[in-house]
């Protein structure tokens, strides 16, 4: 089991709003699967192939991961550019970790993170290099 749900709730209610105000991290915008409300979640986003990888620190049961998986789309604001993402899929750590840039260290084993959510860039919306 990944990090505990109670820690995810603290993160969502306390630290995420602070990160959004700071404006430093990439932000994933997605729709609530039952509410239809728009959510903005600061996450680390790693470019891989023709898309991005998001490490599932709290597992695939995280609200943001379930929302994105249910809708099939999300928008990532990274480096001041919006990137439309599609085709979310959970990939196991054995598949995810080798795709990450060499500068990214996977979470330590004691954190029990079992995978990542990978999404593809929709059409020709890759941000300028």
C-alpha atoms as a PDB file:
ATOM      1  CA  UNK A   1       0.000   0.000   0.000  1.00  0.00           C
ATOM      2  CA  UNK A   2       1.332   3.460  -0.887  1.00  0.00           C
ATOM      3  CA  UNK A   3       1.372   6.375   1.547  1.00  0.00           C
ATOM      4  CA  UNK A   4      -1.642   6.511   3.906  1.00  0.00           C
ATOM      5  CA  UNK A   5      -4.906   8.205   2.878  1.00  0.00           C
ATOM      6  CA  UNK A   6      -4.929  10.487   5.942  1.00  0.00           C
ATOM      7  CA  UNK A   7      -1.643  11.984   4.744  1.00  0.00           C
ATOM      8  CA  UNK A   8      -3.171  12.531   1.297  1.00  0.00           C
ATOM      9  CA  UNK A   9      -6.071  14.432   2.878  1.00  0.00           C
ATOM     10  CA  UNK A  10      -3.698  16.704   4.809  1.00  0.00           C
ATOM     11  CA  UNK A  11      -1.694  17.268   1.634  1.00  0.00           C
ATOM     12  CA  UNK A  12      -4.841  18.090  -0.363  1.00  0.00           C
ATOM     13  CA  UNK A  13      -6.239  20.532   2.204  1.00  0.00           C
ATOM     14  CA  UNK A  14      -3.080  22.185   3.551  1.00  0.00           C
ATOM     15  CA  UNK A  15      -0.107  21.871   1.233  1.00  0.00           C
ATOM     16  CA  UNK A  16      -1.722  21.833  -2.226  1.00  0.00           C
ATOM     17  CA  UNK A  17      -3.296  25.303  -1.787  1.00  0.00           C
ATOM     18  CA  UNK A  18       0.100  26.643  -0.737  1.00  0.00           C
ATOM     19  CA  UNK A  19       1.774  25.072  -3.760  1.00  0.00           C
ATOM     20  CA  UNK A  20      -0.861  26.535  -6.079  1.00  0.00           C
ATOM     21  CA  UNK A  21      -0.185  30.019  -4.661  1.00  0.00           C
ATOM     22  CA  UNK A  22       3.565  29.574  -5.085  1.00  0.00           C
ATOM     23  CA  UNK A  23       3.061  28.747  -8.765  1.00  0.00           C
ATOM     24  CA  UNK A  24       6.261  26.723  -9.062  1.00  0.00           C
ATOM     25  CA  UNK A  25       5.039  23.154  -9.669  1.00  0.00           C
ATOM     26  CA  UNK A  26       3.214  21.842 -12.713  1.00  0.00           C
ATOM     27  CA  UNK A  27      -0.566  21.881 -12.167  1.00  0.00           C
ATOM     28  CA  UNK A  28      -2.945  19.228 -13.456  1.00  0.00           C
ATOM     29  CA  UNK A  29      -6.469  20.519 -14.147  1.00  0.00           C
ATOM     30  CA  UNK A  30      -9.177  17.854 -14.175  1.00  0.00           C
ATOM     31  CA  UNK A  31     -12.921  17.404 -13.677  1.00  0.00           C
ATOM     32  CA  UNK A  32     -14.476  15.702 -10.671  1.00  0.00           C
ATOM     33  CA  UNK A  33     -15.909  12.356 -11.702  1.00  0.00           C
ATOM     34  CA  UNK A  34     -19.177  12.869  -9.802  1.00  0.00           C
ATOM     35  CA  UNK A  35     -19.306  16.607  -9.067  1.00  0.00           C
ATOM     36  CA  UNK A  36     -18.155  17.860 -12.465  1.00  0.00           C
ATOM     37  CA  UNK A  37     -16.194  20.515 -10.556  1.00  0.00           C
ATOM     38  CA  UNK A  38     -12.846  21.691 -11.928  1.00  0.00           C
ATOM     39  CA  UNK A  39      -9.860  20.807  -9.733  1.00  0.00           C
ATOM     40  CA  UNK A  40      -6.264  22.046  -9.871  1.00  0.00           C
ATOM     41  CA  UNK A  41      -3.705  19.654  -8.419  1.00  0.00           C
ATOM     42  CA  UNK A  42      -0.001  20.524  -8.135  1.00  0.00           C
ATOM     43  CA  UNK A  43       2.071  17.482  -9.084  1.00  0.00           C
ATOM     44  CA  UNK A  44       5.503  16.572 -10.292  1.00  0.00           C
ATOM     45  CA  UNK A  45       5.169  15.824 -14.013  1.00  0.00           C
ATOM     46  CA  UNK A  46       7.923  13.970 -15.819  1.00  0.00           C
ATOM     47  CA  UNK A  47       8.161  14.113 -19.618  1.00  0.00           C
ATOM     48  CA  UNK A  48       8.314  10.618 -21.130  1.00  0.00           C
ATOM     49  CA  UNK A  49       7.982   9.737 -24.792  1.00  0.00           C
ATOM     50  CA  UNK A  50       4.997  11.653 -26.173  1.00  0.00           C
ATOM     51  CA  UNK A  51       3.495  12.465 -22.798  1.00  0.00           C
ATOM     52  CA  UNK A  52       3.980  12.771 -19.071  1.00  0.00           C
ATOM     53  CA  UNK A  53       4.322  10.463 -16.100  1.00  0.00           C
ATOM     54  CA  UNK A  54       2.948  11.196 -12.616  1.00  0.00           C
ATOM     55  CA  UNK A  55       4.166   9.061  -9.710  1.00  0.00           C
ATOM     56  CA  UNK A  56       1.212   7.744  -7.707  1.00  0.00           C
ATOM     57  CA  UNK A  57       2.486   8.526  -4.212  1.00  0.00           C
ATOM     58  CA  UNK A  58      -0.949   7.753  -2.716  1.00  0.00           C
ATOM     59  CA  UNK A  59      -1.862   5.013  -5.176  1.00  0.00           C
ATOM     60  CA  UNK A  60      -4.340   4.859  -8.030  1.00  0.00           C
ATOM     61  CA  UNK A  61      -7.145   5.472  -5.519  1.00  0.00           C
ATOM     62  CA  UNK A  62      -6.173   9.147  -5.200  1.00  0.00           C
ATOM     63  CA  UNK A  63      -9.034  11.470  -6.089  1.00  0.00           C
ATOM     64  CA  UNK A  64      -7.060  13.189  -8.845  1.00  0.00           C
ATOM     65  CA  UNK A  65      -6.027   9.849 -10.396  1.00  0.00           C
ATOM     66  CA  UNK A  66      -9.593   8.503 -10.293  1.00  0.00           C
ATOM     67  CA  UNK A  67     -10.917  11.749 -11.801  1.00  0.00           C
ATOM     68  CA  UNK A  68      -8.426  11.722 -14.653  1.00  0.00           C
ATOM     69  CA  UNK A  69      -8.958   8.027 -15.330  1.00  0.00           C
ATOM     70  CA  UNK A  70     -12.752   8.480 -15.377  1.00  0.00           C
ATOM     71  CA  UNK A  71     -12.701  11.448 -17.770  1.00  0.00           C
ATOM     72  CA  UNK A  72      -9.823  10.262 -19.944  1.00  0.00           C
ATOM     73  CA  UNK A  73      -8.407  13.782 -20.224  1.00  0.00           C
ATOM     74  CA  UNK A  74      -6.667  16.513 -18.245  1.00  0.00           C
ATOM     75  CA  UNK A  75      -4.734  19.711 -18.858  1.00  0.00           C
ATOM     76  CA  UNK A  76      -1.219  20.123 -17.530  1.00  0.00           C
ATOM     77  CA  UNK A  77       0.127  23.627 -16.930  1.00  0.00           C
ATOM     78  CA  UNK A  78       3.884  23.277 -17.127  1.00  0.00           C
ATOM     79  CA  UNK A  79       6.465  26.040 -17.624  1.00  0.00           C
ATOM     80  CA  UNK A  80       3.674  28.529 -18.371  1.00  0.00           C
ATOM     81  CA  UNK A  81       2.117  26.420 -21.138  1.00  0.00           C
ATOM     82  CA  UNK A  82      -1.059  24.317 -21.172  1.00  0.00           C
ATOM     83  CA  UNK A  83      -0.709  20.791 -22.514  1.00  0.00           C
ATOM     84  CA  UNK A  84      -3.796  18.691 -23.255  1.00  0.00           C
ATOM     85  CA  UNK A  85      -3.341  15.107 -22.075  1.00  0.00           C
ATOM     86  CA  UNK A  86      -5.312  11.971 -22.965  1.00  0.00           C
ATOM     87  CA  UNK A  87      -5.285   8.200 -22.490  1.00  0.00           C
ATOM     88  CA  UNK A  88      -4.513   7.935 -18.778  1.00  0.00           C
ATOM     89  CA  UNK A  89      -3.263   4.545 -17.686  1.00  0.00           C
ATOM     90  CA  UNK A  90      -1.731   3.180 -14.534  1.00  0.00           C
ATOM     91  CA  UNK A  91       1.633   1.570 -15.159  1.00  0.00           C
ATOM     92  CA  UNK A  92       3.524  -0.566 -12.639  1.00  0.00           C
ATOM     93  CA  UNK A  93       6.806   0.641 -11.231  1.00  0.00           C
ATOM     94  CA  UNK A  94       8.713  -1.892 -13.362  1.00  0.00           C
ATOM     95  CA  UNK A  95       7.419  -0.096 -16.468  1.00  0.00           C
ATOM     96  CA  UNK A  96       7.367   3.462 -15.088  1.00  0.00           C
ATOM     97  CA  UNK A  97      10.753   3.844 -13.411  1.00  0.00           C
ATOM     98  CA  UNK A  98      12.918   2.998 -16.464  1.00  0.00           C
ATOM     99  CA  UNK A  99      11.068   5.679 -18.483  1.00  0.00           C
ATOM    100  CA  UNK A 100      11.759   8.477 -15.991  1.00  0.00           C
ATOM    101  CA  UNK A 101      14.627  10.894 -16.684  1.00  0.00           C
ATOM    102  CA  UNK A 102      17.917   9.803 -15.118  1.00  0.00           C
ATOM    103  CA  UNK A 103      17.811  12.786 -12.752  1.00  0.00           C
ATOM    104  CA  UNK A 104      14.605  11.474 -11.126  1.00  0.00           C
ATOM    105  CA  UNK A 105      15.043   9.076  -8.254  1.00  0.00           C
ATOM    106  CA  UNK A 106      12.109   6.710  -7.700  1.00  0.00           C
ATOM    107  CA  UNK A 107      10.547   6.778  -4.228  1.00  0.00           C
ATOM    108  CA  UNK A 108      12.305   4.511  -1.719  1.00  0.00           C
ATOM    109  CA  UNK A 109      10.842   1.009  -1.319  1.00  0.00           C
ATOM    110  CA  UNK A 110       9.629   1.684   2.234  1.00  0.00           C
ATOM    111  CA  UNK A 111       7.086   4.159   0.780  1.00  0.00           C
ATOM    112  CA  UNK A 112       5.454   1.243  -1.076  1.00  0.00           C
ATOM    113  CA  UNK A 113       4.720   3.269  -4.213  1.00  0.00           C
ATOM    114  CA  UNK A 114       3.678   0.701  -6.783  1.00  0.00           C
ATOM    115  CA  UNK A 115       3.315   2.700  -9.993  1.00  0.00           C
ATOM    116  CA  UNK A 116       2.568   5.820 -11.927  1.00  0.00           C
ATOM    117  CA  UNK A 117      -0.099   7.339 -14.120  1.00  0.00           C
ATOM    118  CA  UNK A 118       1.035   7.916 -17.687  1.00  0.00           C
ATOM    119  CA  UNK A 119      -0.754  10.176 -20.169  1.00  0.00           C
ATOM    120  CA  UNK A 120      -0.146  11.072 -23.797  1.00  0.00           C
ATOM    121  CA  UNK A 121      -0.091  14.544 -25.299  1.00  0.00           C
ATOM    122  CA  UNK A 122      -3.219  15.120 -27.371  1.00  0.00           C
ATOM    123  CA  UNK A 123      -2.444  16.142 -30.936  1.00  0.00           C
ATOM    124  CA  UNK A 124       0.209  18.805 -31.433  1.00  0.00           C
ATOM    125  CA  UNK A 125       0.129  20.607 -28.079  1.00  0.00           C
ATOM    126  CA  UNK A 126       3.664  19.928 -26.852  1.00  0.00           C
ATOM    127  CA  UNK A 127       5.016  23.106 -25.214  1.00  0.00           C
ATOM    128  CA  UNK A 128       7.815  24.926 -27.059  1.00  0.00           C
ATOM    129  CA  UNK A 129      11.323  23.788 -26.107  1.00  0.00           C
END
